[in-house]
Amino acid sequence: MKNGKKTSGRFGVISNDKEVILRFLSGMRDGLKIGRIKIDVQIPRDFSINEQNIKDRVAKEIGIPSDNVIVYKGSPWRRKIGYAVYTNDTNLQRYIYQEIYLKMFELIEMGKIDVSALLQGICDAEGYVDKANKVIRITSKDLYLIKIIEKCIEMLHLKYKKRIEKDKIRILITSITDFKEKVGFFIKRKQKDLEEMIAGNFLRDKDTSYLEKFKILLLKGTTAKEISKKLGIAHSTVKLVLRNLTSAGLVKRKRDKNNRCYFYYL
């Protein structure tokens, strides 16, 4: 959940998947009876569509005034439209923290909540299929939510790691096959990513962008070291991208004559 600082009163979710946004929006309107809802729309930097047209279209699709929609350019790596739906309501945020989270934790311990369904819902919104590290990654600043996630994971006997960073906490679920069987994703895009990762296909969206940069060298055949040197990209990054491209069958590889390193080609 995107809570920001506790004093901000901002309450909502962030997702690239419009399906997640619509589901949460429905809960805000029908369940919590929230009237003033805002949406941020983050678009790729090279998007040619007029920003005002996007703003008007989203307002019409979601059913909110266009003045409540903000459109802005995202990071250089953004390839899809991203959404953040939220409301600024300090009283609601305080209620969520003091009542809903604490009550939910109590019900989990009493066995009155389907922890598989609960964890799936959280992962649909906040979970990421991290193909580079072969884990399901959940990141949040919300200590209440982290406690609920950990409780669900432990009750489902899933293996995980916890990393505490400056202003956020990462939960890394390492038993990905068990996660698929016991929890899984409702969102089809994430289902596909999880199935690919389990099958050994680690391709990410950014890897295809790198492929375009590597192509001129790959056409002749090259090594990771040569790509790194000629394109000025970190060797570790090149090796990871080549691994992912190879796993998806987009690049082929073989050992060189002296069996010292891999030779990559198209």
C-alpha atoms as a PDB file:
ATOM      1  CA  MET A   1       0.000   0.000   0.000  1.00  0.00           C
ATOM      2  CA  LYS A   2       1.094   3.528  -0.704  1.00  0.00           C
ATOM      3  CA  ASN A   3       0.689   5.324   2.591  1.00  0.00           C
ATOM      4  CA  GLY A   4       3.472   7.884   2.492  1.00  0.00           C
ATOM      5  CA  LYS A   5       4.129   9.389   5.905  1.00  0.00           C
ATOM      6  CA  LYS A   6       1.494   8.757   8.529  1.00  0.00           C
ATOM      7  CA  THR A   7       0.782  12.485   8.796  1.00  0.00           C
ATOM      8  CA  SER A   8       0.062  12.839   5.066  1.00  0.00           C
ATOM      9  CA  GLY A   9      -3.226  10.949   5.149  1.00  0.00           C
ATOM     10  CA  ARG A  10      -2.511   9.494   1.698  1.00  0.00           C
ATOM     11  CA  PHE A  11      -4.060   6.063   1.233  1.00  0.00           C
ATOM     12  CA  GLY A  12      -4.093   4.009  -1.970  1.00  0.00           C
ATOM     13  CA  VAL A  13      -2.229   1.625  -4.294  1.00  0.00           C
ATOM     14  CA  ILE A  14       0.247   1.835  -7.178  1.00  0.00           C
ATOM     15  CA  SER A  15       0.202  -0.596 -10.110  1.00  0.00           C
ATOM     16  CA  ASN A  16       0.946  -0.927 -13.833  1.00  0.00           C
ATOM     17  CA  ASP A  17      -2.120  -3.141 -14.101  1.00  0.00           C
ATOM     18  CA  LYS A  18      -5.416  -1.332 -14.633  1.00  0.00           C
ATOM     19  CA  GLU A  19      -7.250  -4.396 -13.318  1.00  0.00           C
ATOM     20  CA  VAL A  20      -5.660  -3.910  -9.883  1.00  0.00           C
ATOM     21  CA  ILE A  21      -6.533  -0.222  -9.944  1.00  0.00           C
ATOM     22  CA  LEU A  22     -10.181  -0.881 -10.832  1.00  0.00           C
ATOM     23  CA  ARG A  23     -10.542  -3.510  -8.087  1.00  0.00           C
ATOM     24  CA  PHE A  24      -9.111  -1.188  -5.450  1.00  0.00           C
ATOM     25  CA  LEU A  25     -11.133   1.737  -6.773  1.00  0.00           C
ATOM     26  CA  SER A  26     -14.297  -0.333  -6.396  1.00  0.00           C
ATOM     27  CA  GLY A  27     -13.410  -1.067  -2.768  1.00  0.00           C
ATOM     28  CA  MET A  28     -12.760   2.616  -2.064  1.00  0.00           C
ATOM     29  CA  ARG A  29     -16.115   3.637  -3.533  1.00  0.00           C
ATOM     30  CA  ASP A  30     -18.399   0.794  -2.485  1.00  0.00           C
ATOM     31  CA  GLY A  31     -16.749  -0.429   0.714  1.00  0.00           C
ATOM     32  CA  LEU A  32     -15.271   2.720   2.214  1.00  0.00           C
ATOM     33  CA  LYS A  33     -17.718   5.183   0.576  1.00  0.00           C
ATOM     34  CA  ILE A  34     -14.906   7.538  -0.475  1.00  0.00           C
ATOM     35  CA  GLY A  35     -16.000  10.397  -2.713  1.00  0.00           C
ATOM     36  CA  ARG A  36     -12.866  12.357  -3.650  1.00  0.00           C
ATOM     37  CA  ILE A  37     -10.472   9.970  -5.383  1.00  0.00           C
ATOM     38  CA  LYS A  38      -7.339  11.017  -7.275  1.00  0.00           C
ATOM     39  CA  ILE A  39      -5.297   9.166  -9.876  1.00  0.00           C
ATOM     40  CA  ASP A  40      -1.698   9.717 -11.001  1.00  0.00           C
ATOM     41  CA  VAL A  41      -0.813   8.358 -14.451  1.00  0.00           C
ATOM     42  CA  GLN A  42       2.863   7.766 -15.218  1.00  0.00           C
ATOM     43  CA  ILE A  43       3.683   7.365 -18.927  1.00  0.00           C
ATOM     44  CA  PRO A  44       6.864   6.373 -20.839  1.00  0.00           C
ATOM     45  CA  ARG A  45       9.049   9.318 -21.808  1.00  0.00           C
ATOM     46  CA  ASP A  46       8.811   8.581 -25.533  1.00  0.00           C
ATOM     47  CA  PHE A  47       4.996   8.359 -25.546  1.00  0.00           C
ATOM     48  CA  SER A  48       3.618  10.242 -28.553  1.00  0.00           C
ATOM     49  CA  ILE A  49       0.002  10.451 -27.322  1.00  0.00           C
ATOM     50  CA  ASN A  50      -1.094  13.870 -26.085  1.00  0.00           C
ATOM     51  CA  GLU A  51      -1.040  13.996 -22.261  1.00  0.00           C
ATOM     52  CA  GLN A  52      -4.390  15.780 -22.121  1.00  0.00           C
ATOM     53  CA  ASN A  53      -5.969  13.012 -24.213  1.00  0.00           C
ATOM     54  CA  ILE A  54      -4.664  10.421 -21.727  1.00  0.00           C
ATOM     55  CA  LYS A  55      -5.999  12.467 -18.833  1.00  0.00           C
ATOM     56  CA  ASP A  56      -9.473  12.742 -20.392  1.00  0.00           C
ATOM     57  CA  ARG A  57      -9.571   9.060 -21.361  1.00  0.00           C
ATOM     58  CA  VAL A  58      -8.574   7.842 -17.892  1.00  0.00           C
ATOM     59  CA  ALA A  59     -11.084  10.181 -16.232  1.00  0.00           C
ATOM     60  CA  LYS A  60     -13.838   8.797 -18.451  1.00  0.00           C
ATOM     61  CA  GLU A  61     -12.854   5.137 -17.949  1.00  0.00           C
ATOM     62  CA  ILE A  62     -12.483   5.431 -14.178  1.00  0.00           C
ATOM     63  CA  GLY A  63     -15.431   7.761 -13.714  1.00  0.00           C
ATOM     64  CA  ILE A  64     -13.795  10.672 -11.911  1.00  0.00           C
ATOM     65  CA  PRO A  65     -13.376  14.387 -12.831  1.00  0.00           C
ATOM     66  CA  SER A  66     -10.423  15.041 -15.150  1.00  0.00           C
ATOM     67  CA  ASP A  67      -9.116  17.599 -12.622  1.00  0.00           C
ATOM     68  CA  ASN A  68      -8.432  14.651 -10.282  1.00  0.00           C
ATOM     69  CA  VAL A  69      -6.132  12.977 -12.841  1.00  0.00           C
ATOM     70  CA  ILE A  70      -2.449  13.940 -13.034  1.00  0.00           C
ATOM     71  CA  VAL A  71      -0.325  12.752 -15.991  1.00  0.00           C
ATOM     72  CA  TYR A  72       3.483  12.886 -15.928  1.00  0.00           C
ATOM     73  CA  LYS A  73       6.527  11.287 -17.596  1.00  0.00           C
ATOM     74  CA  GLY A  74       8.118   8.317 -15.851  1.00  0.00           C
ATOM     75  CA  SER A  75      11.661   6.945 -15.591  1.00  0.00           C
ATOM     76  CA  PRO A  76      13.746   6.085 -18.687  1.00  0.00           C
ATOM     77  CA  TRP A  77      12.941   2.387 -18.137  1.00  0.00           C
ATOM     78  CA  ARG A  78       9.169   2.810 -18.059  1.00  0.00           C
ATOM     79  CA  ARG A  79       7.639   0.967 -21.015  1.00  0.00           C
ATOM     80  CA  LYS A  80       4.007   0.761 -19.845  1.00  0.00           C
ATOM     81  CA  ILE A  81       1.523   3.175 -18.321  1.00  0.00           C
ATOM     82  CA  GLY A  82       1.539   3.086 -14.509  1.00  0.00           C
ATOM     83  CA  TYR A  83      -1.255   4.166 -12.159  1.00  0.00           C
ATOM     84  CA  ALA A  84      -1.602   5.356  -8.569  1.00  0.00           C
ATOM     85  CA  VAL A  85      -5.127   5.644  -7.159  1.00  0.00           C
ATOM     86  CA  TYR A  86      -5.444   7.311  -3.753  1.00  0.00           C
ATOM     87  CA  THR A  87      -7.302   9.675  -1.465  1.00  0.00           C
ATOM     88  CA  ASN A  88      -5.995  12.196   1.061  1.00  0.00           C
ATOM     89  CA  ASP A  89      -7.885  11.472   4.259  1.00  0.00           C
ATOM     90  CA  THR A  90      -6.061  11.456   7.608  1.00  0.00           C
ATOM     91  CA  ASN A  91      -9.072  10.074   9.487  1.00  0.00           C
ATOM     92  CA  LEU A  92      -9.414   7.185   7.034  1.00  0.00           C
ATOM     93  CA  GLN A  93      -5.712   6.392   7.278  1.00  0.00           C
ATOM     94  CA  ARG A  94      -5.878   6.403  11.084  1.00  0.00           C
ATOM     95  CA  TYR A  95      -8.912   4.092  10.932  1.00  0.00           C
ATOM     96  CA  ILE A  96      -7.103   1.720   8.565  1.00  0.00           C
ATOM     97  CA  TYR A  97      -4.094   1.516  10.881  1.00  0.00           C
ATOM     98  CA  GLN A  98      -5.881   1.297  14.207  1.00  0.00           C
ATOM     99  CA  GLU A  99      -8.884  -0.826  13.299  1.00  0.00           C
ATOM    100  CA  ILE A 100      -8.649  -2.800  10.082  1.00  0.00           C
ATOM    101  CA  TYR A 101      -4.994  -3.933  10.232  1.00  0.00           C
ATOM    102  CA  LEU A 102      -5.064  -4.856  13.897  1.00  0.00           C
ATOM    103  CA  LYS A 103      -8.394  -6.660  13.573  1.00  0.00           C
ATOM    104  CA  MET A 104      -7.171  -8.492  10.487  1.00  0.00           C
ATOM    105  CA  PHE A 105      -4.060  -9.716  12.318  1.00  0.00           C
ATOM    106  CA  GLU A 106      -6.239 -10.973  15.142  1.00  0.00           C
ATOM    107  CA  LEU A 107      -8.524 -12.850  12.722  1.00  0.00           C
ATOM    108  CA  ILE A 108      -5.505 -14.391  10.962  1.00  0.00           C
ATOM    109  CA  GLU A 109      -4.219 -15.787  14.269  1.00  0.00           C
ATOM    110  CA  MET A 110      -7.704 -17.168  15.017  1.00  0.00           C
ATOM    111  CA  GLY A 111      -7.773 -18.930  11.637  1.00  0.00           C
ATOM    112  CA  LYS A 112     -10.814 -16.979  10.417  1.00  0.00           C
ATOM    113  CA  ILE A 113      -9.165 -15.526   7.305  1.00  0.00           C
ATOM    114  CA  ASP A 114      -8.059 -17.387   4.172  1.00  0.00           C
ATOM    115  CA  VAL A 115      -4.365 -16.451   4.307  1.00  0.00           C
ATOM    116  CA  SER A 116      -3.759 -17.752   0.761  1.00  0.00           C
ATOM    117  CA  ALA A 117      -6.382 -15.408  -0.677  1.00  0.00           C
ATOM    118  CA  LEU A 118      -5.170 -12.520   1.494  1.00  0.00           C
ATOM    119  CA  LEU A 119      -1.536 -12.964   0.458  1.00  0.00           C
ATOM    120  CA  GLN A 120      -2.581 -13.294  -3.185  1.00  0.00           C
ATOM    121  CA  GLY A 121      -4.414  -9.969  -3.007  1.00  0.00           C
ATOM    122  CA  ILE A 122      -1.385  -8.273  -1.443  1.00  0.00           C
ATOM    123  CA  CYS A 123       0.943  -9.780  -4.064  1.00  0.00           C
ATOM    124  CA  ASP A 124      -1.364  -8.732  -6.908  1.00  0.00           C
ATOM    125  CA  ALA A 125      -0.975  -5.149  -5.707  1.00  0.00           C
ATOM    126  CA  GLU A 126       2.559  -5.071  -4.282  1.00  0.00           C
ATOM    127  CA  GLY A 127       4.270  -8.280  -5.431  1.00  0.00           C
ATOM    128  CA  TYR A 128       6.886  -8.384  -8.179  1.00  0.00           C
ATOM    129  CA  VAL A 129       8.229 -11.436 -10.015  1.00  0.00           C
ATOM    130  CA  ASP A 130      11.966 -10.774  -9.690  1.00  0.00           C
ATOM    131  CA  LYS A 131      13.399 -12.953 -12.440  1.00  0.00           C
ATOM    132  CA  ALA A 132      16.930 -11.648 -11.906  1.00  0.00           C
ATOM    133  CA  ASN A 133      17.031 -13.071  -8.354  1.00  0.00           C
ATOM    134  CA  LYS A 134      14.425 -15.856  -8.785  1.00  0.00           C
ATOM    135  CA  VAL A 135      12.146 -14.603  -5.990  1.00  0.00           C
ATOM    136  CA  ILE A 136       8.743 -13.023  -5.413  1.00  0.00           C
ATOM    137  CA  ARG A 137       9.500  -9.557  -4.025  1.00  0.00           C
ATOM    138  CA  ILE A 138       7.122  -7.500  -1.885  1.00  0.00           C
ATOM    139  CA  THR A 139       8.186  -3.989  -0.854  1.00  0.00           C
ATOM    140  CA  SER A 140       6.447  -1.707   1.629  1.00  0.00           C
ATOM    141  CA  LYS A 141       7.048   1.100   4.140  1.00  0.00           C
ATOM    142  CA  ASP A 142       4.047  -0.091   6.133  1.00  0.00           C
ATOM    143  CA  LEU A 143       5.086  -2.058   9.243  1.00  0.00           C
ATOM    144  CA  TYR A 144       1.526  -3.270   9.849  1.00  0.00           C
ATOM    145  CA  LEU A 145       1.316  -4.688   6.336  1.00  0.00           C
ATOM    146  CA  ILE A 146       4.752  -6.327   6.623  1.00  0.00           C
ATOM    147  CA  LYS A 147       3.650  -8.083   9.817  1.00  0.00           C
ATOM    148  CA  ILE A 148       0.530  -9.402   8.062  1.00  0.00           C
ATOM    149  CA  ILE A 149       2.593 -10.585   5.078  1.00  0.00           C
ATOM    150  CA  GLU A 150       5.074 -12.388   7.331  1.00  0.00           C
ATOM    151  CA  LYS A 151       2.260 -14.035   9.283  1.00  0.00           C
ATOM    152  CA  CYS A 152       0.617 -15.313   6.081  1.00  0.00           C
ATOM    153  CA  ILE A 153       3.921 -16.610   4.717  1.00  0.00           C
ATOM    154  CA  GLU A 154       4.748 -18.428   7.955  1.00  0.00           C
ATOM    155  CA  MET A 155       1.299 -20.015   8.169  1.00  0.00           C
ATOM    156  CA  LEU A 156       1.693 -21.265   4.590  1.00  0.00           C
ATOM    157  CA  HIS A 157       5.201 -22.590   5.372  1.00  0.00           C
ATOM    158  CA  LEU A 158       6.839 -20.615   2.583  1.00  0.00           C
ATOM    159  CA  LYS A 159      10.544 -19.803   2.712  1.00  0.00           C
ATOM    160  CA  TYR A 160      11.455 -16.128   2.664  1.00  0.00           C
ATOM    161  CA  LYS A 161      14.053 -13.495   3.507  1.00  0.00           C
ATOM    162  CA  LYS A 162      13.542 -10.051   5.012  1.00  0.00           C
ATOM    163  CA  ARG A 163      15.652  -7.026   4.121  1.00  0.00           C
ATOM    164  CA  ILE A 164      15.380  -3.732   5.953  1.00  0.00           C
ATOM    165  CA  GLU A 165      16.503  -0.693   3.970  1.00  0.00           C
ATOM    166  CA  LYS A 166      16.501   3.026   4.785  1.00  0.00           C
ATOM    167  CA  ASP A 167      12.810   3.764   4.328  1.00  0.00           C
ATOM    168  CA  LYS A 168      11.304   0.430   3.282  1.00  0.00           C
ATOM    169  CA  ILE A 169      11.234  -3.291   3.939  1.00  0.00           C
ATOM    170  CA  ARG A 170      11.561  -6.021   1.314  1.00  0.00           C
ATOM    171  CA  ILE A 171      10.111  -9.512   1.696  1.00  0.00           C
ATOM    172  CA  LEU A 172      11.697 -12.033  -0.711  1.00  0.00           C
ATOM    173  CA  ILE A 173       9.771 -15.298  -1.122  1.00  0.00           C
ATOM    174  CA  THR A 174      12.314 -17.877  -2.273  1.00  0.00           C
ATOM    175  CA  SER A 175      10.125 -21.015  -2.526  1.00  0.00           C
ATOM    176  CA  ILE A 176       8.559 -19.922  -5.818  1.00  0.00           C
ATOM    177  CA  THR A 177       7.083 -23.313  -6.780  1.00  0.00           C
ATOM    178  CA  ASP A 178       5.324 -23.612  -3.411  1.00  0.00           C
ATOM    179  CA  PHE A 179       4.144 -20.016  -3.792  1.00  0.00           C
ATOM    180  CA  LYS A 180       2.542 -20.865  -7.138  1.00  0.00           C
ATOM    181  CA  GLU A 181       0.755 -23.918  -5.684  1.00  0.00           C
ATOM    182  CA  LYS A 182      -0.408 -22.335  -2.421  1.00  0.00           C
ATOM    183  CA  VAL A 183      -0.937 -18.668  -3.379  1.00  0.00           C
ATOM    184  CA  GLY A 184      -0.298 -17.665  -6.992  1.00  0.00           C
ATOM    185  CA  PHE A 185      -1.461 -14.484  -8.674  1.00  0.00           C
ATOM    186  CA  PHE A 186      -4.917 -13.394  -9.819  1.00  0.00           C
ATOM    187  CA  ILE A 187      -3.389 -10.954 -12.329  1.00  0.00           C
ATOM    188  CA  LYS A 188      -2.692 -12.775 -15.606  1.00  0.00           C
ATOM    189  CA  ARG A 189       0.460 -10.785 -16.417  1.00  0.00           C
ATOM    190  CA  LYS A 190       2.032 -11.810 -13.105  1.00  0.00           C
ATOM    191  CA  GLN A 191       0.828 -15.404 -13.525  1.00  0.00           C
ATOM    192  CA  LYS A 192       2.694 -15.516 -16.833  1.00  0.00           C
ATOM    193  CA  ASP A 193       5.866 -14.020 -15.345  1.00  0.00           C
ATOM    194  CA  LEU A 194       5.817 -16.541 -12.475  1.00  0.00           C
ATOM    195  CA  GLU A 195       5.312 -19.505 -14.827  1.00  0.00           C
ATOM    196  CA  GLU A 196       8.157 -18.290 -17.039  1.00  0.00           C
ATOM    197  CA  MET A 197      10.491 -17.884 -14.064  1.00  0.00           C
ATOM    198  CA  ILE A 198       9.737 -21.394 -12.788  1.00  0.00           C
ATOM    199  CA  ALA A 199      10.306 -22.769 -16.313  1.00  0.00           C
ATOM    200  CA  GLY A 200      13.692 -21.024 -16.494  1.00  0.00           C
ATOM    201  CA  ASN A 201      12.750 -18.048 -18.687  1.00  0.00           C
ATOM    202  CA  PHE A 202      14.113 -14.971 -16.885  1.00  0.00           C
ATOM    203  CA  LEU A 203      13.406 -12.372 -19.588  1.00  0.00           C
ATOM    204  CA  ARG A 204      12.422  -8.893 -18.336  1.00  0.00           C
ATOM    205  CA  ASP A 205      11.059  -5.945 -20.332  1.00  0.00           C
ATOM    206  CA  LYS A 206      14.336  -4.042 -20.003  1.00  0.00           C
ATOM    207  CA  ASP A 207      16.291  -6.989 -21.460  1.00  0.00           C
ATOM    208  CA  THR A 208      14.677  -6.492 -24.876  1.00  0.00           C
ATOM    209  CA  SER A 209      15.848  -2.866 -24.821  1.00  0.00           C
ATOM    210  CA  TYR A 210      19.386  -4.046 -24.148  1.00  0.00           C
ATOM    211  CA  LEU A 211      19.065  -6.549 -26.999  1.00  0.00           C
ATOM    212  CA  GLU A 212      18.694  -3.696 -29.473  1.00  0.00           C
ATOM    213  CA  LYS A 213      21.958  -2.195 -28.173  1.00  0.00           C
ATOM    214  CA  PHE A 214      23.771  -5.557 -28.252  1.00  0.00           C
ATOM    215  CA  LYS A 215      22.476  -6.637 -31.669  1.00  0.00           C
ATOM    216  CA  ILE A 216      25.267  -5.190 -33.827  1.00  0.00           C
ATOM    217  CA  LEU A 217      27.856  -7.143 -31.809  1.00  0.00           C
ATOM    218  CA  LEU A 218      25.756 -10.286 -31.484  1.00  0.00           C
ATOM    219  CA  LEU A 219      25.332 -10.511 -35.261  1.00  0.00           C
ATOM    220  CA  LYS A 220      29.065 -11.149 -35.540  1.00  0.00           C
ATOM    221  CA  GLY A 221      29.317 -13.119 -32.311  1.00  0.00           C
ATOM    222  CA  THR A 222      30.808 -11.686 -29.134  1.00  0.00           C
ATOM    223  CA  THR A 223      31.538 -12.151 -25.437  1.00  0.00           C
ATOM    224  CA  ALA A 224      30.095 -10.413 -22.390  1.00  0.00           C
ATOM    225  CA  LYS A 225      33.456  -8.771 -21.770  1.00  0.00           C
ATOM    226  CA  GLU A 226      33.589  -7.329 -25.296  1.00  0.00           C
ATOM    227  CA  ILE A 227      30.023  -5.949 -25.065  1.00  0.00           C
ATOM    228  CA  SER A 228      30.827  -4.341 -21.732  1.00  0.00           C
ATOM    229  CA  LYS A 229      34.012  -2.737 -23.074  1.00  0.00           C
ATOM    230  CA  LYS A 230      32.584  -1.430 -26.367  1.00  0.00           C
ATOM    231  CA  LEU A 231      29.231  -0.187 -25.023  1.00  0.00           C
ATOM    232  CA  GLY A 232      30.448   1.054 -21.646  1.00  0.00           C
ATOM    233  CA  ILE A 233      27.945  -1.061 -19.669  1.00  0.00           C
ATOM    234  CA  ALA A 234      28.896  -2.777 -16.394  1.00  0.00           C
ATOM    235  CA  HIS A 235      30.111  -6.332 -16.976  1.00  0.00           C
ATOM    236  CA  SER A 236      27.781  -7.722 -14.294  1.00  0.00           C
ATOM    237  CA  THR A 237      24.787  -6.077 -16.020  1.00  0.00           C
ATOM    238  CA  VAL A 238      25.790  -7.472 -19.419  1.00  0.00           C
ATOM    239  CA  LYS A 239      26.148 -11.001 -18.005  1.00  0.00           C
ATOM    240  CA  LEU A 240      22.732 -10.827 -16.338  1.00  0.00           C
ATOM    241  CA  VAL A 241      21.010  -9.525 -19.487  1.00  0.00           C
ATOM    242  CA  LEU A 242      22.677 -12.174 -21.668  1.00  0.00           C
ATOM    243  CA  ARG A 243      21.583 -14.873 -19.218  1.00  0.00           C
ATOM    244  CA  ASN A 244      17.982 -13.668 -19.432  1.00  0.00           C
ATOM    245  CA  LEU A 245      18.040 -13.343 -23.230  1.00  0.00           C
ATOM    246  CA  THR A 246      19.517 -16.842 -23.514  1.00  0.00           C
ATOM    247  CA  SER A 247      16.870 -18.296 -21.177  1.00  0.00           C
ATOM    248  CA  ALA A 248      14.145 -16.904 -23.475  1.00  0.00           C
ATOM    249  CA  GLY A 249      15.811 -18.290 -26.617  1.00  0.00           C
ATOM    250  CA  LEU A 250      16.491 -14.842 -28.083  1.00  0.00           C
ATOM    251  CA  VAL A 251      20.261 -15.279 -27.937  1.00  0.00           C
ATOM    252  CA  LYS A 252      22.371 -18.423 -28.358  1.00  0.00           C
ATOM    253  CA  ARG A 253      25.649 -19.239 -26.670  1.00  0.00           C
ATOM    254  CA  LYS A 254      28.522 -21.727 -26.811  1.00  0.00           C
ATOM    255  CA  ARG A 255      31.875 -22.157 -25.129  1.00  0.00           C
ATOM    256  CA  ASP A 256      34.895 -20.718 -26.934  1.00  0.00           C
ATOM    257  CA  LYS A 257      37.635 -23.044 -28.200  1.00  0.00           C
ATOM    258  CA  ASN A 258      39.626 -22.790 -24.991  1.00  0.00           C
ATOM    259  CA  ASN A 259      36.508 -23.291 -22.822  1.00  0.00           C
ATOM    260  CA  ARG A 260      37.277 -20.078 -20.943  1.00  0.00           C
ATOM    261  CA  CYS A 261      34.066 -18.095 -21.541  1.00  0.00           C
ATOM    262  CA  TYR A 262      30.772 -18.090 -23.414  1.00  0.00           C
ATOM    263  CA  PHE A 263      30.470 -16.819 -26.978  1.00  0.00           C
ATOM    264  CA  TYR A 264      27.062 -15.194 -27.665  1.00  0.00           C
ATOM    265  CA  TYR A 265      25.352 -14.825 -31.040  1.00  0.00           C
ATOM    266  CA  LEU A 266      21.942 -14.491 -32.719  1.00  0.00           C
END
